[in-house]
Structures are given as C-alpha cells and as structure tokens.
Amino acid sequence: MANTKTKPVPEFRSEDGEREFWAAHDSTEFIDWQSAQRRKLPNLKPTLRTISLRLPVSMIEDLKVLANKRDVPYQSLLKVFLAERLEKERRRA
C-alpha cells in the first residue's frame, strides 16, 4: 500500500544542511518509495578504481604503437579494447 501522506521535502541552503537533515530524518516520511521507479543516469561519470595489471612488455609496446597511430593515450585505448570485449561477451551470454 502506497504512502499517500508524505511531507514536502524542505528547501536546503547547503549540502551540509541537507546532509544533517537526512541523517536525522527517515526518508519514508517525505518520499513514497512504493511508487518510486528506477532511472538510468547515462551522463554520470563512472567511479574509477586503480588496479595493478602485469602485462608482457611486448604487449604494452604493441598497445603504445596502436595508441600512437590513433593519437590517444595507451591506457585509454586499453580501456576501449576492454569495454568492446566486455560488451561482446555480454551479448553472447
């Protein structure tokens, strides 16, 4: 059963004020989560995590040559290659 009696969300003067408010209040008093819908936010930048990856020197050199031909950093080209392969694998599954 949806909560039809929600309070209006107050206007906040700062992020700190909003953070303090939500830390002290239950959001179900202000938001009807039963009627909420999932949304995709395609323009958000993904969270990045640094990893250590050991590759043969020859593979890195080949990657650098290809990246140089495309005028992009080799790490960026590696991410493109990984993304393409991951998408291919997702379609196969």
N, C-alpha and C. Protein backbone atom coordinates (compact mmCIF):
# COMPACT_ATOMS: atom_id res chain seq x y z
N MET A 1 0.84 -1.18 0.00
CA MET A 1 0.00 0.00 0.00
C MET A 1 0.88 1.25 0.00
N ALA A 2 0.65 2.17 -0.94
CA ALA A 2 1.47 3.36 -1.07
C ALA A 2 1.16 4.36 0.03
N ASN A 3 2.20 5.04 0.46
CA ASN A 3 2.06 6.07 1.48
C ASN A 3 1.65 7.36 0.78
N THR A 4 0.37 7.75 0.91
CA THR A 4 -0.12 8.94 0.23
C THR A 4 0.03 10.20 1.07
N LYS A 5 0.44 10.07 2.31
CA LYS A 5 0.59 11.21 3.22
C LYS A 5 2.06 11.50 3.47
N THR A 6 2.75 11.98 2.47
CA THR A 6 4.15 12.32 2.67
C THR A 6 4.27 13.82 2.91
N LYS A 7 5.28 14.18 3.68
CA LYS A 7 5.56 15.58 3.96
C LYS A 7 6.37 16.16 2.79
N PRO A 8 6.24 17.45 2.53
CA PRO A 8 7.08 18.04 1.47
C PRO A 8 8.54 18.08 1.91
N VAL A 9 9.44 17.84 0.98
CA VAL A 9 10.88 17.90 1.27
C VAL A 9 11.25 19.38 1.40
N PRO A 10 11.91 19.74 2.48
CA PRO A 10 12.25 21.16 2.67
C PRO A 10 13.31 21.64 1.69
N GLU A 11 13.38 22.96 1.52
CA GLU A 11 14.45 23.57 0.72
C GLU A 11 15.68 23.65 1.61
N PHE A 12 16.84 23.36 1.04
CA PHE A 12 18.08 23.37 1.82
C PHE A 12 18.97 24.50 1.34
N ARG A 13 19.66 25.13 2.28
CA ARG A 13 20.56 26.25 1.94
C ARG A 13 21.94 25.76 1.55
N SER A 14 22.28 24.53 1.96
CA SER A 14 23.61 24.00 1.64
C SER A 14 23.57 22.47 1.66
N GLU A 15 24.58 21.86 1.07
CA GLU A 15 24.70 20.40 1.12
C GLU A 15 24.86 19.91 2.54
N ASP A 16 25.62 20.67 3.33
CA ASP A 16 25.82 20.28 4.73
C ASP A 16 24.49 20.26 5.48
N GLY A 17 23.67 21.28 5.24
CA GLY A 17 22.36 21.33 5.89
C GLY A 17 21.48 20.17 5.47
N GLU A 18 21.52 19.84 4.18
CA GLU A 18 20.73 18.71 3.69
C GLU A 18 21.23 17.40 4.28
N ARG A 19 22.55 17.25 4.35
CA ARG A 19 23.15 16.03 4.90
C ARG A 19 22.72 15.85 6.37
N GLU A 20 22.77 16.94 7.14
CA GLU A 20 22.36 16.88 8.54
C GLU A 20 20.87 16.52 8.68
N PHE A 21 20.07 17.10 7.80
CA PHE A 21 18.63 16.83 7.84
C PHE A 21 18.35 15.35 7.60
N TRP A 22 18.93 14.80 6.52
CA TRP A 22 18.65 13.39 6.19
C TRP A 22 19.26 12.43 7.20
N ALA A 23 20.31 12.84 7.88
CA ALA A 23 20.90 11.99 8.93
C ALA A 23 19.96 11.89 10.12
N ALA A 24 19.10 12.90 10.30
CA ALA A 24 18.22 12.94 11.47
C ALA A 24 16.77 12.56 11.15
N HIS A 25 16.42 12.37 9.86
CA HIS A 25 15.03 12.11 9.48
C HIS A 25 14.93 10.84 8.63
N ASP A 26 13.81 10.17 8.74
CA ASP A 26 13.52 8.98 7.93
C ASP A 26 12.93 9.44 6.60
N SER A 27 13.54 9.04 5.50
CA SER A 27 13.09 9.49 4.18
C SER A 27 11.67 9.04 3.85
N THR A 28 11.19 7.96 4.48
CA THR A 28 9.84 7.48 4.17
C THR A 28 8.76 8.46 4.62
N GLU A 29 9.12 9.41 5.48
CA GLU A 29 8.16 10.46 5.85
C GLU A 29 7.98 11.46 4.71
N PHE A 30 8.93 11.52 3.79
CA PHE A 30 8.95 12.54 2.75
C PHE A 30 8.84 11.99 1.33
N ILE A 31 9.15 10.72 1.16
CA ILE A 31 9.18 10.12 -0.18
C ILE A 31 8.39 8.83 -0.17
N ASP A 32 7.52 8.67 -1.15
CA ASP A 32 6.74 7.44 -1.28
C ASP A 32 7.56 6.44 -2.10
N TRP A 33 8.36 5.64 -1.41
CA TRP A 33 9.26 4.71 -2.08
C TRP A 33 8.51 3.60 -2.81
N GLN A 34 7.26 3.33 -2.43
CA GLN A 34 6.46 2.29 -3.11
C GLN A 34 6.18 2.67 -4.57
N SER A 35 6.10 3.96 -4.85
CA SER A 35 5.81 4.39 -6.22
C SER A 35 7.07 4.82 -6.97
N ALA A 36 8.22 4.64 -6.34
CA ALA A 36 9.48 5.03 -6.98
C ALA A 36 9.77 4.14 -8.18
N GLN A 37 10.44 4.70 -9.17
CA GLN A 37 10.84 3.95 -10.36
C GLN A 37 12.34 4.09 -10.56
N ARG A 38 12.95 3.01 -11.06
CA ARG A 38 14.39 3.05 -11.34
C ARG A 38 14.63 3.96 -12.54
N ARG A 39 15.73 4.69 -12.48
CA ARG A 39 16.15 5.57 -13.57
C ARG A 39 17.60 5.29 -13.89
N LYS A 40 17.94 5.39 -15.16
CA LYS A 40 19.33 5.30 -15.58
C LYS A 40 19.84 6.71 -15.77
N LEU A 41 21.05 6.95 -15.33
CA LEU A 41 21.68 8.26 -15.47
C LEU A 41 22.91 8.10 -16.35
N PRO A 42 22.71 8.10 -17.67
CA PRO A 42 23.79 7.76 -18.58
C PRO A 42 24.93 8.78 -18.65
N ASN A 43 24.70 10.00 -18.21
CA ASN A 43 25.74 11.02 -18.33
C ASN A 43 26.63 11.14 -17.10
N LEU A 44 26.40 10.30 -16.10
CA LEU A 44 27.25 10.32 -14.92
C LEU A 44 28.59 9.65 -15.24
N LYS A 45 29.64 10.22 -14.72
CA LYS A 45 30.95 9.60 -14.91
C LYS A 45 31.07 8.42 -13.95
N PRO A 46 31.53 7.28 -14.45
CA PRO A 46 31.64 6.12 -13.57
C PRO A 46 32.72 6.30 -12.52
N THR A 47 32.53 5.66 -11.40
CA THR A 47 33.55 5.65 -10.36
C THR A 47 34.73 4.83 -10.86
N LEU A 48 35.90 5.35 -10.68
CA LEU A 48 37.10 4.67 -11.17
C LEU A 48 37.86 4.04 -10.02
N ARG A 49 38.50 2.93 -10.30
CA ARG A 49 39.36 2.27 -9.33
C ARG A 49 40.68 1.94 -10.02
N THR A 50 41.76 2.29 -9.39
CA THR A 50 43.08 1.99 -9.92
C THR A 50 43.42 0.53 -9.64
N ILE A 51 43.93 -0.15 -10.66
CA ILE A 51 44.36 -1.54 -10.48
C ILE A 51 45.80 -1.66 -10.96
N SER A 52 46.43 -2.71 -10.52
CA SER A 52 47.77 -3.03 -11.00
C SER A 52 47.63 -4.24 -11.90
N LEU A 53 48.13 -4.12 -13.11
CA LEU A 53 47.99 -5.18 -14.09
C LEU A 53 49.36 -5.46 -14.70
N ARG A 54 49.81 -6.68 -14.60
CA ARG A 54 51.10 -7.04 -15.16
C ARG A 54 50.89 -7.59 -16.57
N LEU A 55 51.53 -6.94 -17.52
CA LEU A 55 51.42 -7.35 -18.93
C LEU A 55 52.83 -7.54 -19.48
N PRO A 56 52.98 -8.42 -20.46
CA PRO A 56 54.29 -8.56 -21.11
C PRO A 56 54.69 -7.23 -21.76
N VAL A 57 55.97 -6.93 -21.68
CA VAL A 57 56.48 -5.67 -22.24
C VAL A 57 56.10 -5.55 -23.71
N SER A 58 56.20 -6.66 -24.44
CA SER A 58 55.88 -6.61 -25.88
C SER A 58 54.42 -6.22 -26.12
N MET A 59 53.53 -6.66 -25.25
CA MET A 59 52.11 -6.32 -25.39
C MET A 59 51.91 -4.81 -25.14
N ILE A 60 52.60 -4.29 -24.15
CA ILE A 60 52.49 -2.86 -23.84
C ILE A 60 53.05 -2.03 -25.00
N GLU A 61 54.17 -2.48 -25.56
CA GLU A 61 54.76 -1.76 -26.70
C GLU A 61 53.82 -1.78 -27.90
N ASP A 62 53.21 -2.93 -28.19
CA ASP A 62 52.24 -3.01 -29.29
C ASP A 62 51.06 -2.07 -29.03
N LEU A 63 50.60 -2.04 -27.80
CA LEU A 63 49.49 -1.17 -27.45
C LEU A 63 49.87 0.31 -27.64
N LYS A 64 51.10 0.65 -27.25
CA LYS A 64 51.57 2.03 -27.42
C LYS A 64 51.65 2.42 -28.89
N VAL A 65 52.09 1.49 -29.73
CA VAL A 65 52.18 1.77 -31.17
C VAL A 65 50.78 2.02 -31.74
N LEU A 66 49.84 1.14 -31.40
CA LEU A 66 48.46 1.32 -31.87
C LEU A 66 47.86 2.63 -31.35
N ALA A 67 48.10 2.93 -30.09
CA ALA A 67 47.57 4.16 -29.50
C ALA A 67 48.16 5.39 -30.18
N ASN A 68 49.45 5.33 -30.47
CA ASN A 68 50.11 6.45 -31.15
C ASN A 68 49.50 6.70 -32.52
N LYS A 69 49.19 5.62 -33.25
CA LYS A 69 48.56 5.76 -34.57
C LYS A 69 47.19 6.42 -34.47
N ARG A 70 46.50 6.18 -33.35
CA ARG A 70 45.16 6.76 -33.14
C ARG A 70 45.21 8.08 -32.38
N ASP A 71 46.41 8.47 -31.98
CA ASP A 71 46.63 9.71 -31.23
C ASP A 71 45.82 9.74 -29.93
N VAL A 72 45.90 8.65 -29.19
CA VAL A 72 45.26 8.55 -27.88
C VAL A 72 46.26 7.94 -26.90
N PRO A 73 46.09 8.19 -25.60
CA PRO A 73 46.96 7.53 -24.62
C PRO A 73 46.73 6.02 -24.63
N TYR A 74 47.78 5.27 -24.40
CA TYR A 74 47.64 3.81 -24.49
C TYR A 74 46.72 3.25 -23.43
N GLN A 75 46.67 3.88 -22.23
CA GLN A 75 45.75 3.39 -21.21
C GLN A 75 44.30 3.56 -21.66
N SER A 76 44.02 4.66 -22.35
CA SER A 76 42.66 4.90 -22.86
C SER A 76 42.30 3.87 -23.93
N LEU A 77 43.24 3.56 -24.79
CA LEU A 77 42.99 2.55 -25.82
C LEU A 77 42.74 1.19 -25.18
N LEU A 78 43.49 0.87 -24.15
CA LEU A 78 43.29 -0.39 -23.44
C LEU A 78 41.88 -0.46 -22.86
N LYS A 79 41.39 0.66 -22.29
CA LYS A 79 40.03 0.69 -21.74
C LYS A 79 38.99 0.49 -22.85
N VAL A 80 39.24 1.08 -24.01
CA VAL A 80 38.32 0.89 -25.15
C VAL A 80 38.28 -0.58 -25.55
N PHE A 81 39.45 -1.20 -25.67
CA PHE A 81 39.51 -2.62 -26.03
C PHE A 81 38.78 -3.49 -25.00
N LEU A 82 38.99 -3.21 -23.73
CA LEU A 82 38.31 -3.98 -22.68
C LEU A 82 36.80 -3.78 -22.74
N ALA A 83 36.37 -2.54 -22.93
CA ALA A 83 34.93 -2.25 -22.99
C ALA A 83 34.29 -2.96 -24.17
N GLU A 84 34.96 -2.95 -25.33
CA GLU A 84 34.43 -3.63 -26.52
C GLU A 84 34.29 -5.13 -26.27
N ARG A 85 35.30 -5.72 -25.66
CA ARG A 85 35.26 -7.16 -25.42
C ARG A 85 34.20 -7.52 -24.38
N LEU A 86 34.08 -6.69 -23.33
CA LEU A 86 33.04 -6.94 -22.32
C LEU A 86 31.65 -6.87 -22.94
N GLU A 87 31.44 -5.91 -23.81
CA GLU A 87 30.13 -5.80 -24.48
C GLU A 87 29.87 -7.02 -25.36
N LYS A 88 30.88 -7.48 -26.06
CA LYS A 88 30.75 -8.67 -26.91
C LYS A 88 30.38 -9.88 -26.05
N GLU A 89 31.06 -10.04 -24.92
CA GLU A 89 30.77 -11.16 -24.01
C GLU A 89 29.37 -11.07 -23.42
N ARG A 90 28.92 -9.85 -23.10
CA ARG A 90 27.55 -9.68 -22.56
C ARG A 90 26.52 -10.10 -23.59
N ARG A 91 26.75 -9.74 -24.84
CA ARG A 91 25.79 -10.11 -25.91
C ARG A 91 25.75 -11.61 -26.11
N ARG A 92 26.91 -12.27 -25.95
CA ARG A 92 26.98 -13.73 -26.12
C ARG A 92 26.25 -14.47 -25.01
N ALA A 93 26.27 -13.91 -23.83
CA ALA A 93 25.71 -14.60 -22.65
C ALA A 93 24.20 -14.67 -22.66
